[in-house]
Amino acid sequence: MIEDGEIHATISKQNGMVHFHDNPEKYDNPAVLRHVEQQMQHCISLDEKLESMDQEIAVNPQYVQKSMGVREDDEVGGVFGGK
């Protein structure tokens, strides 16, 4: 992970102790801001897609029928057939 740059640390060869360091990346330049904005837009887009899919499922007749059927079974006695 250290070699891949996923974390910033050094390992002491003498005793195997790991020393963690702050990320050397500075977040005060336009490129980083642009990257963050792109990632935020991607997340917003995914959220909109998820909401749309959720809405499609919620109005799908098969889903509604199955979800209502499960509720009716639960009210009547569930799996064990009680009254």
PDB file of N, CA and C in Angstrom:
ATOM      1  N   MET A   1       0.833  -1.196   0.000  1.00  0.00           N
ATOM      2  CA  MET A   1       0.000   0.000   0.000  1.00  0.00           C
ATOM      3  C   MET A   1       0.876   1.257   0.000  1.00  0.00           C
ATOM      4  N   ILE A   2       1.983   1.177   0.715  1.00  0.00           N
ATOM      5  CA  ILE A   2       2.896   2.321   0.750  1.00  0.00           C
ATOM      6  C   ILE A   2       3.472   2.553  -0.637  1.00  0.00           C
ATOM      7  N   GLU A   3       3.931   1.478  -1.277  1.00  0.00           N
ATOM      8  CA  GLU A   3       4.536   1.598  -2.606  1.00  0.00           C
ATOM      9  C   GLU A   3       3.536   2.093  -3.643  1.00  0.00           C
ATOM     10  N   ASP A   4       2.279   1.723  -3.485  1.00  0.00           N
ATOM     11  CA  ASP A   4       1.237   2.147  -4.423  1.00  0.00           C
ATOM     12  C   ASP A   4       0.774   3.576  -4.181  1.00  0.00           C
ATOM     13  N   GLY A   5       1.212   4.182  -3.069  1.00  0.00           N
ATOM     14  CA  GLY A   5       0.807   5.540  -2.753  1.00  0.00           C
ATOM     15  C   GLY A   5      -0.567   5.629  -2.117  1.00  0.00           C
ATOM     16  N   GLU A   6      -1.129   4.481  -1.717  1.00  0.00           N
ATOM     17  CA  GLU A   6      -2.442   4.488  -1.074  1.00  0.00           C
ATOM     18  C   GLU A   6      -2.367   5.083   0.328  1.00  0.00           C
ATOM     19  N   ILE A   7      -1.256   4.834   1.001  1.00  0.00           N
ATOM     20  CA  ILE A   7      -1.004   5.443   2.305  1.00  0.00           C
ATOM     21  C   ILE A   7       0.401   6.012   2.283  1.00  0.00           C
ATOM     22  N   HIS A   8       0.662   6.950   3.154  1.00  0.00           N
ATOM     23  CA  HIS A   8       1.969   7.603   3.208  1.00  0.00           C
ATOM     24  C   HIS A   8       2.621   7.227   4.529  1.00  0.00           C
ATOM     25  N   ALA A   9       3.647   6.384   4.418  1.00  0.00           N
ATOM     26  CA  ALA A   9       4.314   5.895   5.614  1.00  0.00           C
ATOM     27  C   ALA A   9       5.687   5.366   5.233  1.00  0.00           C
ATOM     28  N   THR A  10       6.500   5.173   6.253  1.00  0.00           N
ATOM     29  CA  THR A  10       7.791   4.514   6.071  1.00  0.00           C
ATOM     30  C   THR A  10       7.890   3.405   7.110  1.00  0.00           C
ATOM     31  N   ILE A  11       8.620   2.364   6.738  1.00  0.00           N
ATOM     32  CA  ILE A  11       8.832   1.251   7.658  1.00  0.00           C
ATOM     33  C   ILE A  11      10.307   1.219   8.016  1.00  0.00           C
ATOM     34  N   SER A  12      10.585   1.261   9.306  1.00  0.00           N
ATOM     35  CA  SER A  12      11.961   1.218   9.793  1.00  0.00           C
ATOM     36  C   SER A  12      12.531  -0.174   9.553  1.00  0.00           C
ATOM     37  N   LYS A  13      13.683  -0.236   8.900  1.00  0.00           N
ATOM     38  CA  LYS A  13      14.339  -1.519   8.638  1.00  0.00           C
ATOM     39  C   LYS A  13      14.894  -2.123   9.926  1.00  0.00           C
ATOM     40  N   GLN A  14      15.228  -1.278  10.903  1.00  0.00           N
ATOM     41  CA  GLN A  14      15.835  -1.762  12.144  1.00  0.00           C
ATOM     42  C   GLN A  14      14.845  -2.520  13.013  1.00  0.00           C
ATOM     43  N   ASN A  15      13.683  -1.938  13.240  1.00  0.00           N
ATOM     44  CA  ASN A  15      12.745  -2.560  14.174  1.00  0.00           C
ATOM     45  C   ASN A  15      11.361  -2.851  13.570  1.00  0.00           C
ATOM     46  N   GLY A  16      11.172  -2.556  12.292  1.00  0.00           N
ATOM     47  CA  GLY A  16       9.899  -2.829  11.640  1.00  0.00           C
ATOM     48  C   GLY A  16       8.779  -1.874  12.015  1.00  0.00           C
ATOM     49  N   MET A  17       9.120  -0.799  12.715  1.00  0.00           N
ATOM     50  CA  MET A  17       8.124   0.188  13.138  1.00  0.00           C
ATOM     51  C   MET A  17       7.626   0.970  11.917  1.00  0.00           C
ATOM     52  N   VAL A  18       6.319   1.185  11.870  1.00  0.00           N
ATOM     53  CA  VAL A  18       5.716   1.948  10.780  1.00  0.00           C
ATOM     54  C   VAL A  18       5.484   3.368  11.261  1.00  0.00           C
ATOM     55  N   HIS A  19       5.917   4.335  10.463  1.00  0.00           N
ATOM     56  CA  HIS A  19       5.709   5.752  10.763  1.00  0.00           C
ATOM     57  C   HIS A  19       4.819   6.322   9.664  1.00  0.00           C
ATOM     58  N   PHE A  20       3.653   6.796  10.058  1.00  0.00           N
ATOM     59  CA  PHE A  20       2.713   7.355   9.097  1.00  0.00           C
ATOM     60  C   PHE A  20       2.985   8.841   8.906  1.00  0.00           C
ATOM     61  N   HIS A  21       2.770   9.306   7.673  1.00  0.00           N
ATOM     62  CA  HIS A  21       3.021  10.698   7.312  1.00  0.00           C
ATOM     63  C   HIS A  21       1.755  11.317   6.735  1.00  0.00           C
ATOM     64  N   ASP A  22       1.702  12.637   6.778  1.00  0.00           N
ATOM     65  CA  ASP A  22       0.593  13.347   6.146  1.00  0.00           C
ATOM     66  C   ASP A  22       0.692  13.183   4.638  1.00  0.00           C
ATOM     67  N   ASN A  23      -0.437  13.241   3.991  1.00  0.00           N
ATOM     68  CA  ASN A  23      -0.482  13.175   2.541  1.00  0.00           C
ATOM     69  C   ASN A  23       0.226  14.406   1.980  1.00  0.00           C
ATOM     70  N   PRO A  24       1.221  14.213   1.122  1.00  0.00           N
ATOM     71  CA  PRO A  24       1.943  15.368   0.579  1.00  0.00           C
ATOM     72  C   PRO A  24       1.125  16.179  -0.431  1.00  0.00           C
ATOM     73  N   GLU A  25       0.013  15.637  -0.873  1.00  0.00           N
ATOM     74  CA  GLU A  25      -0.842  16.335  -1.836  1.00  0.00           C
ATOM     75  C   GLU A  25      -1.386  17.612  -1.219  1.00  0.00           C
ATOM     76  N   LYS A  26      -1.275  18.686  -1.950  1.00  0.00           N
ATOM     77  CA  LYS A  26      -1.842  19.961  -1.515  1.00  0.00           C
ATOM     78  C   LYS A  26      -3.153  20.166  -2.270  1.00  0.00           C
ATOM     79  N   TYR A  27      -4.155  20.553  -1.542  1.00  0.00           N
ATOM     80  CA  TYR A  27      -5.486  20.699  -2.127  1.00  0.00           C
ATOM     81  C   TYR A  27      -5.828  22.164  -2.389  1.00  0.00           C
ATOM     82  N   ASP A  28      -4.850  22.916  -2.803  1.00  0.00           N
ATOM     83  CA  ASP A  28      -5.067  24.347  -2.995  1.00  0.00           C
ATOM     84  C   ASP A  28      -4.788  24.786  -4.426  1.00  0.00           C
ATOM     85  N   ASN A  29      -5.060  23.888  -5.378  1.00  0.00           N
ATOM     86  CA  ASN A  29      -4.840  24.293  -6.765  1.00  0.00           C
ATOM     87  C   ASN A  29      -6.075  23.977  -7.609  1.00  0.00           C
ATOM     88  N   PRO A  30      -6.206  24.609  -8.747  1.00  0.00           N
ATOM     89  CA  PRO A  30      -7.400  24.453  -9.585  1.00  0.00           C
ATOM     90  C   PRO A  30      -7.633  23.018 -10.071  1.00  0.00           C
ATOM     91  N   ALA A  31      -6.576  22.265 -10.304  1.00  0.00           N
ATOM     92  CA  ALA A  31      -6.733  20.893 -10.793  1.00  0.00           C
ATOM     93  C   ALA A  31      -7.449  20.025  -9.763  1.00  0.00           C
ATOM     94  N   VAL A  32      -7.101  20.199  -8.509  1.00  0.00           N
ATOM     95  CA  VAL A  32      -7.743  19.417  -7.451  1.00  0.00           C
ATOM     96  C   VAL A  32      -9.206  19.830  -7.318  1.00  0.00           C
ATOM     97  N   LEU A  33      -9.472  21.118  -7.363  1.00  0.00           N
ATOM     98  CA  LEU A  33     -10.847  21.601  -7.286  1.00  0.00           C
ATOM     99  C   LEU A  33     -11.672  21.034  -8.442  1.00  0.00           C
ATOM    100  N   ARG A  34     -11.104  21.034  -9.629  1.00  0.00           N
ATOM    101  CA  ARG A  34     -11.791  20.504 -10.804  1.00  0.00           C
ATOM    102  C   ARG A  34     -12.090  19.003 -10.611  1.00  0.00           C
ATOM    103  N   HIS A  35     -11.120  18.275 -10.072  1.00  0.00           N
ATOM    104  CA  HIS A  35     -11.311  16.843  -9.825  1.00  0.00           C
ATOM    105  C   HIS A  35     -12.431  16.607  -8.809  1.00  0.00           C
ATOM    106  N   VAL A  36     -12.429  17.381  -7.743  1.00  0.00           N
ATOM    107  CA  VAL A  36     -13.470  17.247  -6.718  1.00  0.00           C
ATOM    108  C   VAL A  36     -14.840  17.570  -7.310  1.00  0.00           C
ATOM    109  N   GLU A  37     -14.923  18.616  -8.107  1.00  0.00           N
ATOM    110  CA  GLU A  37     -16.194  18.983  -8.735  1.00  0.00           C
ATOM    111  C   GLU A  37     -16.680  17.884  -9.676  1.00  0.00           C
ATOM    112  N   GLN A  38     -15.759  17.270 -10.430  1.00  0.00           N
ATOM    113  CA  GLN A  38     -16.134  16.176 -11.321  1.00  0.00           C
ATOM    114  C   GLN A  38     -16.665  14.983 -10.533  1.00  0.00           C
ATOM    115  N   GLN A  39     -16.002  14.671  -9.443  1.00  0.00           N
ATOM    116  CA  GLN A  39     -16.441  13.552  -8.613  1.00  0.00           C
ATOM    117  C   GLN A  39     -17.807  13.841  -7.986  1.00  0.00           C
ATOM    118  N   MET A  40     -18.015  15.079  -7.557  1.00  0.00           N
ATOM    119  CA  MET A  40     -19.311  15.456  -6.990  1.00  0.00           C
ATOM    120  C   MET A  40     -20.405  15.340  -8.051  1.00  0.00           C
ATOM    121  N   GLN A  41     -20.126  15.796  -9.266  1.00  0.00           N
ATOM    122  CA  GLN A  41     -21.108  15.717 -10.345  1.00  0.00           C
ATOM    123  C   GLN A  41     -21.422  14.262 -10.669  1.00  0.00           C
ATOM    124  N   HIS A  42     -20.407  13.424 -10.643  1.00  0.00           N
ATOM    125  CA  HIS A  42     -20.611  11.997 -10.886  1.00  0.00           C
ATOM    126  C   HIS A  42     -21.523  11.401  -9.808  1.00  0.00           C
ATOM    127  N   CYS A  43     -21.288  11.765  -8.559  1.00  0.00           N
ATOM    128  CA  CYS A  43     -22.125  11.275  -7.453  1.00  0.00           C
ATOM    129  C   CYS A  43     -23.562  11.760  -7.589  1.00  0.00           C
ATOM    130  N   ILE A  44     -23.734  13.007  -7.976  1.00  0.00           N
ATOM    131  CA  ILE A  44     -25.080  13.561  -8.174  1.00  0.00           C
ATOM    132  C   ILE A  44     -25.788  12.811  -9.297  1.00  0.00           C
ATOM    133  N   SER A  45     -25.065  12.543 -10.370  1.00  0.00           N
ATOM    134  CA  SER A  45     -25.629  11.811 -11.499  1.00  0.00           C
ATOM    135  C   SER A  45     -26.043  10.399 -11.088  1.00  0.00           C
ATOM    136  N   LEU A  46     -25.200   9.729 -10.319  1.00  0.00           N
ATOM    137  CA  LEU A  46     -25.541   8.391  -9.836  1.00  0.00           C
ATOM    138  C   LEU A  46     -26.760   8.426  -8.923  1.00  0.00           C
ATOM    139  N   ASP A  47     -26.845   9.452  -8.075  1.00  0.00           N
ATOM    140  CA  ASP A  47     -27.992   9.588  -7.182  1.00  0.00           C
ATOM    141  C   ASP A  47     -29.279   9.778  -7.979  1.00  0.00           C
ATOM    142  N   GLU A  48     -29.231  10.606  -9.020  1.00  0.00           N
ATOM    143  CA  GLU A  48     -30.410  10.829  -9.855  1.00  0.00           C
ATOM    144  C   GLU A  48     -30.831   9.539 -10.548  1.00  0.00           C
ATOM    145  N   LYS A  49     -29.853   8.781 -11.035  1.00  0.00           N
ATOM    146  CA  LYS A  49     -30.153   7.515 -11.695  1.00  0.00           C
ATOM    147  C   LYS A  49     -30.776   6.534 -10.707  1.00  0.00           C
ATOM    148  N   LEU A  50     -30.240   6.480  -9.507  1.00  0.00           N
ATOM    149  CA  LEU A  50     -30.771   5.587  -8.478  1.00  0.00           C
ATOM    150  C   LEU A  50     -32.202   5.969  -8.101  1.00  0.00           C
ATOM    151  N   GLU A  51     -32.467   7.251  -7.962  1.00  0.00           N
ATOM    152  CA  GLU A  51     -33.827   7.707  -7.658  1.00  0.00           C
ATOM    153  C   GLU A  51     -34.792   7.328  -8.774  1.00  0.00           C
ATOM    154  N   SER A  52     -34.348   7.478 -10.021  1.00  0.00           N
ATOM    155  CA  SER A  52     -35.184   7.128 -11.163  1.00  0.00           C
ATOM    156  C   SER A  52     -35.490   5.632 -11.173  1.00  0.00           C
ATOM    157  N   MET A  53     -34.474   4.826 -10.914  1.00  0.00           N
ATOM    158  CA  MET A  53     -34.674   3.374 -10.868  1.00  0.00           C
ATOM    159  C   MET A  53     -35.609   2.994  -9.722  1.00  0.00           C
ATOM    160  N   ASP A  54     -35.445   3.640  -8.590  1.00  0.00           N
ATOM    161  CA  ASP A  54     -36.305   3.377  -7.437  1.00  0.00           C
ATOM    162  C   ASP A  54     -37.757   3.709  -7.771  1.00  0.00           C
ATOM    163  N   GLN A  55     -37.970   4.823  -8.451  1.00  0.00           N
ATOM    164  CA  GLN A  55     -39.324   5.226  -8.838  1.00  0.00           C
ATOM    165  C   GLN A  55     -39.922   4.221  -9.819  1.00  0.00           C
ATOM    166  N   GLU A  56     -39.109   3.751 -10.777  1.00  0.00           N
ATOM    167  CA  GLU A  56     -39.597   2.763 -11.737  1.00  0.00           C
ATOM    168  C   GLU A  56     -40.019   1.478 -11.033  1.00  0.00           C
ATOM    169  N   ILE A  57     -39.244   1.063 -10.057  1.00  0.00           N
ATOM    170  CA  ILE A  57     -39.576  -0.153  -9.310  1.00  0.00           C
ATOM    171  C   ILE A  57     -40.843   0.055  -8.489  1.00  0.00           C
ATOM    172  N   ALA A  58     -40.963   1.208  -7.863  1.00  0.00           N
ATOM    173  CA  ALA A  58     -42.104   1.479  -6.983  1.00  0.00           C
ATOM    174  C   ALA A  58     -43.434   1.455  -7.729  1.00  0.00           C
ATOM    175  N   VAL A  59     -43.437   1.798  -9.013  1.00  0.00           N
ATOM    176  CA  VAL A  59     -44.685   1.811  -9.778  1.00  0.00           C
ATOM    177  C   VAL A  59     -44.823   0.586 -10.679  1.00  0.00           C
ATOM    178  N   ASN A  60     -43.880  -0.332 -10.611  1.00  0.00           N
ATOM    179  CA  ASN A  60     -43.940  -1.545 -11.410  1.00  0.00           C
ATOM    180  C   ASN A  60     -45.045  -2.445 -10.853  1.00  0.00           C
ATOM    181  N   PRO A  61     -46.026  -2.815 -11.683  1.00  0.00           N
ATOM    182  CA  PRO A  61     -47.152  -3.621 -11.186  1.00  0.00           C
ATOM    183  C   PRO A  61     -46.719  -4.950 -10.555  1.00  0.00           C
ATOM    184  N   GLN A  62     -45.708  -5.592 -11.122  1.00  0.00           N
ATOM    185  CA  GLN A  62     -45.242  -6.864 -10.556  1.00  0.00           C
ATOM    186  C   GLN A  62     -44.673  -6.660  -9.158  1.00  0.00           C
ATOM    187  N   TYR A  63     -43.896  -5.600  -8.988  1.00  0.00           N
ATOM    188  CA  TYR A  63     -43.311  -5.320  -7.671  1.00  0.00           C
ATOM    189  C   TYR A  63     -44.406  -5.002  -6.655  1.00  0.00           C
ATOM    190  N   VAL A  64     -45.343  -4.163  -7.062  1.00  0.00           N
ATOM    191  CA  VAL A  64     -46.428  -3.776  -6.154  1.00  0.00           C
ATOM    192  C   VAL A  64     -47.233  -5.004  -5.756  1.00  0.00           C
ATOM    193  N   GLN A  65     -47.540  -5.853  -6.728  1.00  0.00           N
ATOM    194  CA  GLN A  65     -48.328  -7.052  -6.450  1.00  0.00           C
ATOM    195  C   GLN A  65     -47.581  -7.981  -5.491  1.00  0.00           C
ATOM    196  N   LYS A  66     -46.299  -8.202  -5.739  1.00  0.00           N
ATOM    197  CA  LYS A  66     -45.528  -9.083  -4.859  1.00  0.00           C
ATOM    198  C   LYS A  66     -45.378  -8.494  -3.466  1.00  0.00           C
ATOM    199  N   SER A  67     -45.126  -7.194  -3.395  1.00  0.00           N
ATOM    200  CA  SER A  67     -44.943  -6.594  -2.074  1.00  0.00           C
ATOM    201  C   SER A  67     -46.249  -6.607  -1.290  1.00  0.00           C
ATOM    202  N   MET A  68     -47.360  -6.420  -1.956  1.00  0.00           N
ATOM    203  CA  MET A  68     -48.652  -6.483  -1.270  1.00  0.00           C
ATOM    204  C   MET A  68     -48.973  -7.919  -0.887  1.00  0.00           C
ATOM    205  N   GLY A  69     -48.604  -8.878  -1.723  1.00  0.00           N
ATOM    206  CA  GLY A  69     -48.836 -10.288  -1.424  1.00  0.00           C
ATOM    207  C   GLY A  69     -48.079 -10.724  -0.190  1.00  0.00           C
ATOM    208  N   VAL A  70     -46.864 -10.265  -0.035  1.00  0.00           N
ATOM    209  CA  VAL A  70     -46.066 -10.616   1.139  1.00  0.00           C
ATOM    210  C   VAL A  70     -46.712 -10.045   2.379  1.00  0.00           C
ATOM    211  N   ARG A  71     -47.185  -8.830   2.308  1.00  0.00           N
ATOM    212  CA  ARG A  71     -47.828  -8.202   3.463  1.00  0.00           C
ATOM    213  C   ARG A  71     -49.101  -8.939   3.842  1.00  0.00           C
ATOM    214  N   GLU A  72     -49.902  -9.347   2.832  1.00  0.00           N
ATOM    215  CA  GLU A  72     -51.133 -10.073   3.117  1.00  0.00           C
ATOM    216  C   GLU A  72     -50.820 -11.403   3.779  1.00  0.00           C
ATOM    217  N   ASP A  73     -49.785 -12.111   3.307  1.00  0.00           N
ATOM    218  CA  ASP A  73     -49.390 -13.378   3.917  1.00  0.00           C
ATOM    219  C   ASP A  73     -48.982 -13.168   5.361  1.00  0.00           C
ATOM    220  N   ASP A  74     -48.247 -12.107   5.622  1.00  0.00           N
ATOM    221  CA  ASP A  74     -47.808 -11.821   6.982  1.00  0.00           C
ATOM    222  C   ASP A  74     -49.002 -11.577   7.898  1.00  0.00           C
ATOM    223  N   GLU A  75     -50.008 -10.864   7.395  1.00  0.00           N
ATOM    224  CA  GLU A  75     -51.177 -10.549   8.211  1.00  0.00           C
ATOM    225  C   GLU A  75     -52.016 -11.794   8.487  1.00  0.00           C
ATOM    226  N   VAL A  76     -52.069 -12.735   7.534  1.00  0.00           N
ATOM    227  CA  VAL A  76     -52.901 -13.918   7.670  1.00  0.00           C
ATOM    228  C   VAL A  76     -52.244 -14.960   8.564  1.00  0.00           C
ATOM    229  N   GLY A  77     -50.976 -14.919   8.729  1.00  0.00           N
ATOM    230  CA  GLY A  77     -50.345 -15.888   9.599  1.00  0.00           C
ATOM    231  C   GLY A  77     -48.942 -16.241   9.165  1.00  0.00           C
ATOM    232  N   GLY A  78     -48.517 -15.655   8.097  1.00  0.00           N
ATOM    233  CA  GLY A  78     -47.140 -15.844   7.685  1.00  0.00           C
ATOM    234  C   GLY A  78     -46.853 -17.240   7.181  1.00  0.00           C
ATOM    235  N   VAL A  79     -45.670 -17.698   7.420  1.00  0.00           N
ATOM    236  CA  VAL A  79     -45.164 -18.948   6.888  1.00  0.00           C
ATOM    237  C   VAL A  79     -45.875 -20.154   7.491  1.00  0.00           C
ATOM    238  N   PHE A  80     -46.271 -20.074   8.755  1.00  0.00           N
ATOM    239  CA  PHE A  80     -46.805 -21.225   9.457  1.00  0.00           C
ATOM    240  C   PHE A  80     -48.315 -21.393   9.300  1.00  0.00           C
ATOM    241  N   GLY A  81     -48.967 -20.476   8.609  1.00  0.00           N
ATOM    242  CA  GLY A  81     -50.379 -20.614   8.299  1.00  0.00           C
ATOM    243  C   GLY A  81     -51.330 -20.432   9.464  1.00  0.00           C
ATOM    244  N   GLY A  82     -50.936 -19.712  10.482  1.00  0.00           N
ATOM    245  CA  GLY A  82     -51.827 -19.451  11.614  1.00  0.00           C
ATOM    246  C   GLY A  82     -52.902 -18.457  11.254  1.00  0.00           C
ATOM    247  N   LYS A  83     -53.895 -18.327  12.118  1.00  0.00           N
ATOM    248  CA  LYS A  83     -54.999 -17.399  11.834  1.00  0.00           C
ATOM    249  C   LYS A  83     -54.761 -16.048  12.400  1.00  0.00           C
TER     250      LYS A  83
END
